[in-house]
Amino acid sequence: MPDVDELLRGARDAIDAKRVYADPIEGDGVTVVPAAVVLGGGGGGGDSEDNGGGGFGLVARPVGAYVIRGDSVPWQPAADPARGWQVLAGLAVLATWSIGRRMVRR
């Protein structure tokens, strides 16, 4: 079973700048540096009989990229299709609820 030092070493290795910023991509005079948000957490525990354990979790999702063209370095946010569907689903629920309320009043 891994000890706490091994877990912490693994956590340090997992959370570094390479997880947030990918290697630059170059072409046609433009350099793109992709970026992500990285979240992690861990925990562990044990008892008086030396039974225990621990773990660490990590999640990352793209958030955008820096687009370097000459002296210009604008930020280009990533599209998040999941968020778009969540908004549409929420609007559909509200529309259905509103129509249902009107039908009950009649």
N, C-alpha and C. Protein backbone atom coordinates (compact mmCIF):
# COMPACT_ATOMS: atom_id res chain seq x y z
N MET A 1 0.85 -1.18 0.00
CA MET A 1 0.00 0.00 0.00
C MET A 1 0.89 1.24 0.00
N PRO A 2 0.57 2.24 -0.83
CA PRO A 2 1.39 3.45 -0.86
C PRO A 2 1.29 4.22 0.45
N ASP A 3 2.40 4.83 0.85
CA ASP A 3 2.35 5.64 2.05
C ASP A 3 2.02 7.08 1.68
N VAL A 4 1.90 7.92 2.69
CA VAL A 4 1.49 9.31 2.47
C VAL A 4 2.48 10.05 1.59
N ASP A 5 3.78 9.80 1.79
CA ASP A 5 4.78 10.48 0.97
C ASP A 5 4.62 10.14 -0.51
N GLU A 6 4.33 8.89 -0.81
CA GLU A 6 4.12 8.49 -2.21
C GLU A 6 2.88 9.18 -2.79
N LEU A 7 1.81 9.26 -2.00
CA LEU A 7 0.59 9.95 -2.46
C LEU A 7 0.87 11.42 -2.74
N LEU A 8 1.61 12.07 -1.85
CA LEU A 8 1.92 13.48 -2.04
C LEU A 8 2.83 13.69 -3.25
N ARG A 9 3.78 12.79 -3.45
CA ARG A 9 4.64 12.88 -4.64
C ARG A 9 3.81 12.77 -5.91
N GLY A 10 2.89 11.81 -5.91
CA GLY A 10 2.01 11.65 -7.07
C GLY A 10 1.15 12.88 -7.30
N ALA A 11 0.64 13.48 -6.23
CA ALA A 11 -0.18 14.68 -6.36
C ALA A 11 0.64 15.83 -6.92
N ARG A 12 1.87 16.01 -6.43
CA ARG A 12 2.73 17.08 -6.94
C ARG A 12 3.05 16.88 -8.42
N ASP A 13 3.29 15.63 -8.80
CA ASP A 13 3.57 15.34 -10.21
C ASP A 13 2.36 15.58 -11.09
N ALA A 14 1.16 15.35 -10.55
CA ALA A 14 -0.07 15.49 -11.34
C ALA A 14 -0.46 16.95 -11.55
N ILE A 15 -0.13 17.80 -10.58
CA ILE A 15 -0.53 19.21 -10.67
C ILE A 15 0.71 20.04 -10.97
N ASP A 16 0.91 20.32 -12.23
CA ASP A 16 2.00 21.20 -12.64
C ASP A 16 1.53 22.02 -13.84
N ALA A 17 2.36 22.92 -14.27
CA ALA A 17 1.98 23.83 -15.36
C ALA A 17 1.65 23.08 -16.65
N LYS A 18 2.25 21.91 -16.87
CA LYS A 18 1.97 21.14 -18.09
C LYS A 18 0.52 20.66 -18.12
N ARG A 19 -0.12 20.54 -16.98
CA ARG A 19 -1.52 20.15 -16.95
C ARG A 19 -2.43 21.33 -17.30
N VAL A 20 -1.95 22.54 -17.06
CA VAL A 20 -2.75 23.74 -17.31
C VAL A 20 -2.51 24.27 -18.72
N TYR A 21 -1.24 24.38 -19.10
CA TYR A 21 -0.88 24.90 -20.42
C TYR A 21 -0.25 23.77 -21.23
N ALA A 22 -0.84 23.48 -22.39
CA ALA A 22 -0.29 22.44 -23.27
C ALA A 22 0.87 23.01 -24.07
N ASP A 23 1.59 22.14 -24.75
CA ASP A 23 2.68 22.60 -25.60
C ASP A 23 2.13 23.52 -26.69
N PRO A 24 2.86 24.60 -26.99
CA PRO A 24 2.40 25.51 -28.04
C PRO A 24 2.32 24.80 -29.40
N ILE A 25 1.35 25.22 -30.18
CA ILE A 25 1.15 24.71 -31.54
C ILE A 25 1.44 25.86 -32.49
N GLU A 26 2.35 25.66 -33.44
CA GLU A 26 2.76 26.73 -34.34
C GLU A 26 2.43 26.40 -35.78
N GLY A 27 2.04 27.42 -36.54
CA GLY A 27 1.77 27.25 -37.96
C GLY A 27 1.29 28.55 -38.58
N ASP A 28 1.74 28.84 -39.79
CA ASP A 28 1.32 30.02 -40.55
C ASP A 28 1.53 31.33 -39.78
N GLY A 29 2.62 31.43 -39.04
CA GLY A 29 2.92 32.65 -38.30
C GLY A 29 2.09 32.85 -37.05
N VAL A 30 1.36 31.84 -36.62
CA VAL A 30 0.52 31.92 -35.43
C VAL A 30 0.95 30.83 -34.45
N THR A 31 1.00 31.18 -33.18
CA THR A 31 1.27 30.21 -32.12
C THR A 31 0.06 30.16 -31.20
N VAL A 32 -0.42 28.96 -30.93
CA VAL A 32 -1.58 28.77 -30.06
C VAL A 32 -1.12 28.01 -28.83
N VAL A 33 -1.44 28.56 -27.64
CA VAL A 33 -1.10 27.91 -26.37
C VAL A 33 -2.41 27.53 -25.67
N PRO A 34 -2.81 26.25 -25.78
CA PRO A 34 -4.06 25.80 -25.14
C PRO A 34 -3.94 25.83 -23.62
N ALA A 35 -5.05 26.15 -22.96
CA ALA A 35 -5.08 26.21 -21.50
C ALA A 35 -6.29 25.46 -20.97
N ALA A 36 -6.15 24.93 -19.76
CA ALA A 36 -7.23 24.18 -19.11
C ALA A 36 -7.32 24.58 -17.65
N VAL A 37 -8.46 24.35 -17.06
CA VAL A 37 -8.59 24.49 -15.61
C VAL A 37 -8.41 23.08 -15.04
N VAL A 38 -7.62 23.00 -13.99
CA VAL A 38 -7.31 21.71 -13.37
C VAL A 38 -7.71 21.78 -11.91
N LEU A 39 -8.53 20.83 -11.48
CA LEU A 39 -8.97 20.76 -10.09
C LEU A 39 -8.59 19.40 -9.52
N GLY A 40 -8.17 19.38 -8.30
CA GLY A 40 -7.80 18.11 -7.68
C GLY A 40 -8.10 18.10 -6.21
N GLY A 41 -8.14 16.93 -5.66
CA GLY A 41 -8.37 16.79 -4.23
C GLY A 41 -7.94 15.41 -3.80
N GLY A 42 -7.68 15.29 -2.55
CA GLY A 42 -7.25 13.99 -2.04
C GLY A 42 -7.58 13.87 -0.58
N GLY A 43 -7.39 12.70 -0.10
CA GLY A 43 -7.64 12.46 1.31
C GLY A 43 -7.15 11.09 1.72
N GLY A 44 -7.17 10.89 2.96
CA GLY A 44 -6.73 9.60 3.47
C GLY A 44 -7.04 9.50 4.95
N GLY A 45 -6.82 8.33 5.47
CA GLY A 45 -7.08 8.13 6.89
C GLY A 45 -6.66 6.74 7.32
N GLY A 46 -6.78 6.51 8.58
CA GLY A 46 -6.41 5.22 9.12
C GLY A 46 -6.98 5.04 10.51
N ASP A 47 -6.73 3.88 11.08
CA ASP A 47 -7.20 3.60 12.43
C ASP A 47 -6.03 3.19 13.32
N SER A 48 -6.32 2.83 14.54
CA SER A 48 -5.26 2.49 15.50
C SER A 48 -4.59 1.16 15.19
N GLU A 49 -5.13 0.39 14.27
CA GLU A 49 -4.56 -0.91 13.92
C GLU A 49 -3.77 -0.84 12.60
N ASP A 50 -3.33 0.33 12.24
CA ASP A 50 -2.57 0.56 11.01
C ASP A 50 -3.32 0.18 9.74
N ASN A 51 -4.65 0.22 9.77
CA ASN A 51 -5.45 0.05 8.57
C ASN A 51 -5.75 1.44 8.02
N GLY A 52 -5.61 1.61 6.77
CA GLY A 52 -5.90 2.92 6.22
C GLY A 52 -5.74 2.94 4.73
N GLY A 53 -5.92 4.09 4.21
CA GLY A 53 -5.81 4.25 2.77
C GLY A 53 -5.95 5.71 2.40
N GLY A 54 -5.81 5.95 1.14
CA GLY A 54 -5.93 7.31 0.66
C GLY A 54 -6.09 7.33 -0.84
N GLY A 55 -6.31 8.49 -1.34
CA GLY A 55 -6.46 8.61 -2.78
C GLY A 55 -6.40 10.06 -3.21
N PHE A 56 -6.33 10.22 -4.51
CA PHE A 56 -6.22 11.54 -5.09
C PHE A 56 -6.97 11.55 -6.41
N GLY A 57 -7.70 12.59 -6.67
CA GLY A 57 -8.44 12.70 -7.92
C GLY A 57 -8.11 14.00 -8.62
N LEU A 58 -8.20 13.97 -9.93
CA LEU A 58 -7.85 15.13 -10.73
C LEU A 58 -8.81 15.21 -11.91
N VAL A 59 -9.30 16.42 -12.20
CA VAL A 59 -10.15 16.63 -13.37
C VAL A 59 -9.66 17.89 -14.08
N ALA A 60 -9.67 17.85 -15.40
CA ALA A 60 -9.25 18.99 -16.19
C ALA A 60 -10.21 19.18 -17.36
N ARG A 61 -10.45 20.44 -17.71
CA ARG A 61 -11.28 20.71 -18.89
C ARG A 61 -10.72 21.94 -19.58
N PRO A 62 -10.78 21.96 -20.91
CA PRO A 62 -10.23 23.10 -21.65
C PRO A 62 -11.04 24.37 -21.38
N VAL A 63 -10.32 25.48 -21.28
CA VAL A 63 -11.00 26.75 -21.06
C VAL A 63 -10.72 27.76 -22.17
N GLY A 64 -9.68 27.50 -22.98
CA GLY A 64 -9.38 28.43 -24.06
C GLY A 64 -7.94 28.33 -24.49
N ALA A 65 -7.49 29.36 -25.18
CA ALA A 65 -6.11 29.38 -25.67
C ALA A 65 -5.66 30.82 -25.89
N TYR A 66 -4.37 31.02 -25.73
CA TYR A 66 -3.74 32.27 -26.13
C TYR A 66 -3.32 32.11 -27.58
N VAL A 67 -3.71 33.07 -28.41
CA VAL A 67 -3.38 33.04 -29.84
C VAL A 67 -2.36 34.15 -30.09
N ILE A 68 -1.13 33.76 -30.35
CA ILE A 68 -0.04 34.72 -30.51
C ILE A 68 0.20 34.94 -32.01
N ARG A 69 -0.03 36.20 -32.42
CA ARG A 69 0.17 36.58 -33.82
C ARG A 69 0.89 37.93 -33.80
N GLY A 70 2.20 37.91 -34.08
CA GLY A 70 3.00 39.14 -34.00
C GLY A 70 3.07 39.61 -32.56
N ASP A 71 2.70 40.88 -32.34
CA ASP A 71 2.70 41.43 -30.97
C ASP A 71 1.36 41.27 -30.27
N SER A 72 0.39 40.69 -30.94
CA SER A 72 -0.95 40.53 -30.39
C SER A 72 -1.09 39.15 -29.72
N VAL A 73 -1.62 39.15 -28.49
CA VAL A 73 -1.82 37.89 -27.76
C VAL A 73 -3.21 37.89 -27.13
N PRO A 74 -4.26 37.77 -27.95
CA PRO A 74 -5.62 37.73 -27.39
C PRO A 74 -5.94 36.36 -26.79
N TRP A 75 -6.84 36.37 -25.84
CA TRP A 75 -7.36 35.15 -25.22
C TRP A 75 -8.60 34.72 -26.00
N GLN A 76 -8.66 33.45 -26.39
CA GLN A 76 -9.81 32.91 -27.13
C GLN A 76 -10.47 31.85 -26.24
N PRO A 77 -11.62 32.15 -25.63
CA PRO A 77 -12.27 31.15 -24.76
C PRO A 77 -12.73 29.93 -25.55
N ALA A 78 -12.69 28.79 -24.90
CA ALA A 78 -13.16 27.54 -25.51
C ALA A 78 -14.68 27.49 -25.46
N ALA A 79 -15.26 26.92 -26.48
CA ALA A 79 -16.70 26.69 -26.49
C ALA A 79 -16.99 25.51 -25.58
N ASP A 80 -18.04 25.60 -24.80
CA ASP A 80 -18.41 24.51 -23.89
C ASP A 80 -19.80 24.00 -24.30
N PRO A 81 -19.86 22.99 -25.19
CA PRO A 81 -21.16 22.51 -25.67
C PRO A 81 -22.05 21.98 -24.56
N ALA A 82 -21.47 21.42 -23.51
CA ALA A 82 -22.29 20.90 -22.40
C ALA A 82 -23.07 22.02 -21.74
N ARG A 83 -22.45 23.17 -21.59
CA ARG A 83 -23.13 24.30 -20.96
C ARG A 83 -24.28 24.79 -21.83
N GLY A 84 -24.11 24.78 -23.14
CA GLY A 84 -25.18 25.19 -24.04
C GLY A 84 -26.40 24.30 -23.91
N TRP A 85 -26.17 23.00 -23.84
CA TRP A 85 -27.29 22.06 -23.68
C TRP A 85 -27.96 22.23 -22.32
N GLN A 86 -27.19 22.57 -21.29
CA GLN A 86 -27.79 22.79 -19.97
C GLN A 86 -28.73 23.99 -20.00
N VAL A 87 -28.32 25.04 -20.68
CA VAL A 87 -29.18 26.24 -20.79
C VAL A 87 -30.45 25.89 -21.57
N LEU A 88 -30.30 25.18 -22.69
CA LEU A 88 -31.48 24.80 -23.47
C LEU A 88 -32.43 23.90 -22.67
N ALA A 89 -31.87 22.96 -21.92
CA ALA A 89 -32.70 22.08 -21.11
C ALA A 89 -33.45 22.88 -20.04
N GLY A 90 -32.76 23.84 -19.42
CA GLY A 90 -33.41 24.69 -18.42
C GLY A 90 -34.55 25.50 -19.01
N LEU A 91 -34.33 26.06 -20.19
CA LEU A 91 -35.39 26.82 -20.86
C LEU A 91 -36.57 25.92 -21.23
N ALA A 92 -36.29 24.70 -21.66
CA ALA A 92 -37.37 23.76 -22.00
C ALA A 92 -38.20 23.42 -20.76
N VAL A 93 -37.55 23.23 -19.63
CA VAL A 93 -38.28 22.94 -18.38
C VAL A 93 -39.16 24.13 -18.01
N LEU A 94 -38.62 25.34 -18.09
CA LEU A 94 -39.41 26.52 -17.76
C LEU A 94 -40.60 26.69 -18.70
N ALA A 95 -40.39 26.47 -20.00
CA ALA A 95 -41.49 26.59 -20.96
C ALA A 95 -42.57 25.56 -20.69
N THR A 96 -42.17 24.32 -20.42
CA THR A 96 -43.14 23.26 -20.13
C THR A 96 -43.93 23.58 -18.86
N TRP A 97 -43.25 24.06 -17.84
CA TRP A 97 -43.90 24.43 -16.58
C TRP A 97 -44.90 25.55 -16.81
N SER A 98 -44.50 26.57 -17.59
CA SER A 98 -45.37 27.71 -17.86
C SER A 98 -46.63 27.28 -18.62
N ILE A 99 -46.45 26.45 -19.64
CA ILE A 99 -47.59 25.96 -20.42
C ILE A 99 -48.50 25.11 -19.53
N GLY A 100 -47.91 24.28 -18.71
CA GLY A 100 -48.71 23.44 -17.80
C GLY A 100 -49.53 24.26 -16.82
N ARG A 101 -48.95 25.33 -16.31
CA ARG A 101 -49.68 26.21 -15.38
C ARG A 101 -50.87 26.86 -16.06
N ARG A 102 -50.68 27.30 -17.30
CA ARG A 102 -51.77 27.95 -18.03
C ARG A 102 -52.91 26.96 -18.31
N MET A 103 -52.57 25.74 -18.62
CA MET A 103 -53.59 24.73 -18.92
C MET A 103 -54.39 24.37 -17.67
N VAL A 104 -53.74 24.36 -16.51
CA VAL A 104 -54.42 24.02 -15.26
C VAL A 104 -55.40 25.13 -14.89
N ARG A 105 -55.08 26.38 -15.15
CA ARG A 105 -55.94 27.52 -14.81
C ARG A 105 -57.25 27.50 -15.59
N ARG A 106 -57.26 26.93 -16.77
CA ARG A 106 -58.47 26.95 -17.62
C ARG A 106 -59.50 26.06 -17.12
